[in-house]
Amino acid sequence: TTTMRIAIVSDIHGNLTAFEAVLADLRETAPDLVFHGGDLVQGGANSAGVVDLVRDLGWQGVVGNTDELLFRPESLREFFGAAPIGDVIEEMAAFEREALGAERLSWLRGLPFQLVEGPMALVHASPESCWRGPMPEASDVELEKVYAPLGREVVVYGHVHRSFVRRVAGMTVVNAGSVSLSHDGDHRASYVLLDNL
């Protein structure tokens, strides 16, 4: 059987500079396939540039919560309710929507919630929601409950901006970390490379 090397690049958040650093590294590691884990937009200076580049590269991927926030504004209130932080995010999102334009928003709207490639499943946060995903400290029970329904040996997600690998109930749960806005104390861009899939 032929094995594949698959890279997953997640949570770019409009940071074209960090994304270009990852692309340079990907040229060195030369995976067979690259997928994106969502949250292409919102937070950095060039969301439109990131979306255009991902599209030019032809990468398949999944929708993230910041992507959904832009093409489906009501998702913000569904998640935050009336919390004041929602107002701030909505103001930023309105600016970002304008910068992206209708055609890019339409492309983001077409991204699936999950993607399956052989023994691997990819979601942004969880199969049920691109807004909620387990933290690295989550119990084995929680990880199993959230990801076992995908029925794959390997499950990859992003969203929490902290990379980890855990073996749970016969599957490997991997967090891809983030290209931008890292929360793990290391500010460098990260992505995950899966060998021997």
Protein backbone atom coordinates (compact mmCIF):
# COMPACT_ATOMS: atom_id res chain seq x y z
CA THR A 1 0.00 0.00 0.00
CA THR A 2 1.20 3.50 -0.74
CA THR A 3 1.37 5.81 2.22
CA MET A 4 0.68 9.52 2.08
CA ARG A 5 2.04 12.53 3.90
CA ILE A 6 -0.67 15.07 4.59
CA ALA A 7 -0.14 18.57 5.96
CA ILE A 8 -2.93 20.48 7.70
CA VAL A 9 -2.62 24.24 7.96
CA SER A 10 -5.18 25.82 10.28
CA ASP A 11 -6.12 29.19 11.76
CA ILE A 12 -4.28 31.54 9.40
CA HIS A 13 -6.53 34.44 10.47
CA GLY A 14 -5.61 36.80 7.65
CA ASN A 15 -1.90 36.77 8.52
CA LEU A 16 -0.32 36.55 5.07
CA THR A 17 3.24 36.97 6.40
CA ALA A 18 2.96 33.98 8.75
CA PHE A 19 1.19 32.01 6.00
CA GLU A 20 4.07 32.69 3.58
CA ALA A 21 6.53 31.36 6.20
CA VAL A 22 4.49 28.14 6.42
CA LEU A 23 4.39 27.85 2.62
CA ALA A 24 8.19 28.15 2.50
CA ASP A 25 8.44 25.32 5.03
CA LEU A 26 5.92 23.21 3.10
CA ARG A 27 8.13 23.50 0.01
CA GLU A 28 10.86 21.82 2.08
CA THR A 29 8.67 19.11 3.67
CA ALA A 30 6.87 18.47 0.35
CA PRO A 31 3.71 16.66 1.57
CA ASP A 32 1.53 14.77 -0.93
CA LEU A 33 -1.56 16.71 0.08
CA VAL A 34 -2.30 19.88 2.02
CA PHE A 35 -5.63 20.75 3.62
CA HIS A 36 -6.66 23.87 5.48
CA GLY A 37 -8.44 23.68 8.82
CA GLY A 38 -10.51 26.87 8.57
CA ASP A 39 -10.32 30.32 10.15
CA LEU A 40 -8.63 31.69 7.06
CA VAL A 41 -9.88 35.18 7.86
CA GLN A 42 -10.27 37.75 10.64
CA GLY A 43 -7.50 38.98 12.89
CA GLY A 44 -4.69 39.76 10.46
CA ALA A 45 -4.08 42.49 7.91
CA ASN A 46 -4.78 40.56 4.71
CA SER A 47 -7.69 38.12 4.81
CA ALA A 48 -8.43 38.66 1.11
CA GLY A 49 -4.82 37.80 0.23
CA VAL A 50 -4.97 34.62 2.33
CA VAL A 51 -8.26 33.47 0.76
CA ASP A 52 -6.92 34.17 -2.74
CA LEU A 53 -3.70 32.27 -2.07
CA VAL A 54 -5.47 29.23 -0.59
CA ARG A 55 -7.75 29.17 -3.63
CA ASP A 56 -4.81 29.54 -6.04
CA LEU A 57 -3.08 26.63 -4.29
CA GLY A 58 -6.24 24.54 -4.75
CA TRP A 59 -6.30 23.36 -1.14
CA GLN A 60 -9.46 21.72 0.10
CA GLY A 61 -10.47 22.39 3.67
CA VAL A 62 -13.18 23.06 6.20
CA VAL A 63 -15.03 26.10 7.44
CA GLY A 64 -13.91 27.80 10.65
CA ASN A 65 -15.91 29.97 13.01
CA THR A 66 -14.34 33.25 11.83
CA ASP A 67 -15.15 32.24 8.25
CA GLU A 68 -18.75 31.54 9.27
CA LEU A 69 -18.91 34.79 11.23
CA LEU A 70 -18.29 36.68 7.99
CA PHE A 71 -20.74 34.92 5.69
CA ARG A 72 -23.36 34.23 8.41
CA PRO A 73 -23.28 37.16 10.85
CA GLU A 74 -26.00 35.71 13.09
CA SER A 75 -23.61 32.90 14.11
CA LEU A 76 -21.84 35.39 16.38
CA ARG A 77 -24.95 36.05 18.51
CA GLU A 78 -25.80 32.35 18.53
CA PHE A 79 -22.42 31.75 20.19
CA PHE A 80 -21.93 34.85 22.39
CA GLY A 81 -25.54 35.86 23.10
CA ALA A 82 -25.66 39.48 24.23
CA ALA A 83 -22.10 39.58 25.63
CA PRO A 84 -20.37 42.93 24.91
CA ILE A 85 -17.44 41.18 23.19
CA GLY A 86 -19.88 40.35 20.40
CA ASP A 87 -20.26 44.06 19.58
CA VAL A 88 -16.51 44.51 19.19
CA ILE A 89 -16.15 41.41 17.03
CA GLU A 90 -19.14 42.41 14.90
CA GLU A 91 -17.59 45.83 14.23
CA MET A 92 -14.35 44.18 13.06
CA ALA A 93 -16.29 41.63 11.02
CA ALA A 94 -18.25 44.34 9.18
CA PHE A 95 -14.98 45.92 8.06
CA GLU A 96 -13.59 42.53 7.04
CA ARG A 97 -16.74 41.59 5.08
CA GLU A 98 -16.37 44.76 3.06
CA ALA A 99 -12.67 44.03 2.36
CA LEU A 100 -13.39 40.45 1.25
CA GLY A 101 -16.29 41.20 -1.06
CA ALA A 102 -19.23 39.04 -2.10
CA GLU A 103 -17.35 36.55 -4.28
CA ARG A 104 -14.84 35.50 -1.58
CA LEU A 105 -17.63 35.33 1.01
CA SER A 106 -19.55 33.04 -1.30
CA TRP A 107 -16.49 30.78 -1.62
CA LEU A 108 -16.12 30.63 2.19
CA ARG A 109 -19.84 29.75 2.46
CA GLY A 110 -19.19 26.73 0.24
CA LEU A 111 -16.61 25.16 2.57
CA PRO A 112 -17.73 21.89 4.22
CA PHE A 113 -17.90 21.35 8.00
CA GLN A 114 -15.84 18.17 7.74
CA LEU A 115 -13.51 16.53 5.29
CA VAL A 116 -12.47 12.87 5.13
CA GLU A 117 -9.34 11.56 3.42
CA GLY A 118 -8.70 7.84 3.88
CA PRO A 119 -8.23 7.12 7.60
CA MET A 120 -8.30 10.83 8.52
CA ALA A 121 -11.14 13.24 9.29
CA LEU A 122 -10.65 17.01 9.52
CA VAL A 123 -12.97 19.46 11.29
CA HIS A 124 -12.31 23.01 12.48
CA ALA A 125 -13.44 22.55 16.09
CA SER A 126 -15.86 19.61 16.38
CA PRO A 127 -18.23 17.73 14.06
CA GLU A 128 -21.22 19.58 15.57
CA SER A 129 -19.85 23.12 15.66
CA CYS A 130 -17.05 25.18 14.19
CA TRP A 131 -17.33 27.39 17.31
CA ARG A 132 -16.70 24.82 20.08
CA GLY A 133 -13.87 22.32 20.36
CA PRO A 134 -12.15 20.58 23.30
CA MET A 135 -9.10 22.17 24.89
CA PRO A 136 -5.81 20.21 25.12
CA GLU A 137 -6.63 19.47 28.79
CA ALA A 138 -9.92 17.77 27.87
CA SER A 139 -10.44 14.28 29.29
CA ASP A 140 -10.10 11.17 27.13
CA VAL A 141 -13.84 10.67 27.65
CA GLU A 142 -14.64 14.09 26.20
CA LEU A 143 -12.32 13.65 23.21
CA GLU A 144 -13.83 10.24 22.50
CA LYS A 145 -17.39 11.57 22.80
CA VAL A 146 -16.69 14.47 20.42
CA TYR A 147 -14.58 12.74 17.76
CA ALA A 148 -15.35 8.99 17.79
CA PRO A 149 -18.60 9.59 15.80
CA LEU A 150 -16.39 10.55 12.83
CA GLY A 151 -15.31 6.89 12.68
CA ARG A 152 -11.71 7.55 11.64
CA GLU A 153 -8.33 6.42 12.98
CA VAL A 154 -7.00 9.99 12.92
CA VAL A 155 -8.99 13.15 13.66
CA VAL A 156 -7.45 16.58 13.15
CA TYR A 157 -8.86 19.89 14.31
CA GLY A 158 -7.67 23.45 14.94
CA HIS A 159 -9.61 26.26 16.63
CA VAL A 160 -7.92 26.26 20.06
CA HIS A 161 -4.51 27.46 18.74
CA ARG A 162 -2.60 24.92 20.87
CA SER A 163 -1.13 21.86 19.17
CA PHE A 164 -1.18 18.39 20.74
CA VAL A 165 -1.43 14.70 19.86
CA ARG A 166 -3.45 12.27 22.01
CA ARG A 167 -4.26 8.57 21.63
CA VAL A 168 -7.86 7.99 22.71
CA ALA A 169 -10.01 4.88 22.30
CA GLY A 170 -8.16 3.52 19.28
CA MET A 171 -7.93 6.86 17.48
CA THR A 172 -5.32 9.61 17.36
CA VAL A 173 -6.66 13.11 18.03
CA VAL A 174 -4.39 15.84 16.68
CA ASN A 175 -4.63 19.59 17.06
CA ALA A 176 -2.85 21.37 14.20
CA GLY A 177 -1.99 24.45 16.23
CA SER A 178 -2.28 27.76 14.40
CA VAL A 179 -0.48 29.76 11.75
CA SER A 180 -1.44 33.00 13.52
CA LEU A 181 -2.39 34.12 17.04
CA SER A 182 -0.78 31.17 18.81
CA HIS A 183 -1.97 30.44 22.37
CA ASP A 184 0.73 27.95 23.33
CA GLY A 185 3.50 30.36 24.36
CA ASP A 186 5.40 29.88 21.09
CA HIS A 187 4.54 32.71 18.70
CA ARG A 188 5.90 30.99 15.61
CA ALA A 189 3.48 29.72 12.99
CA SER A 190 2.69 26.01 13.21
CA TYR A 191 1.02 23.33 11.14
CA VAL A 192 0.84 19.54 11.37
CA LEU A 193 2.41 16.97 9.08
CA LEU A 194 0.90 13.48 9.20
CA ASP A 195 3.21 10.72 7.97
CA ASN A 196 2.24 7.25 6.76
CA LEU A 197 -1.47 7.76 6.32
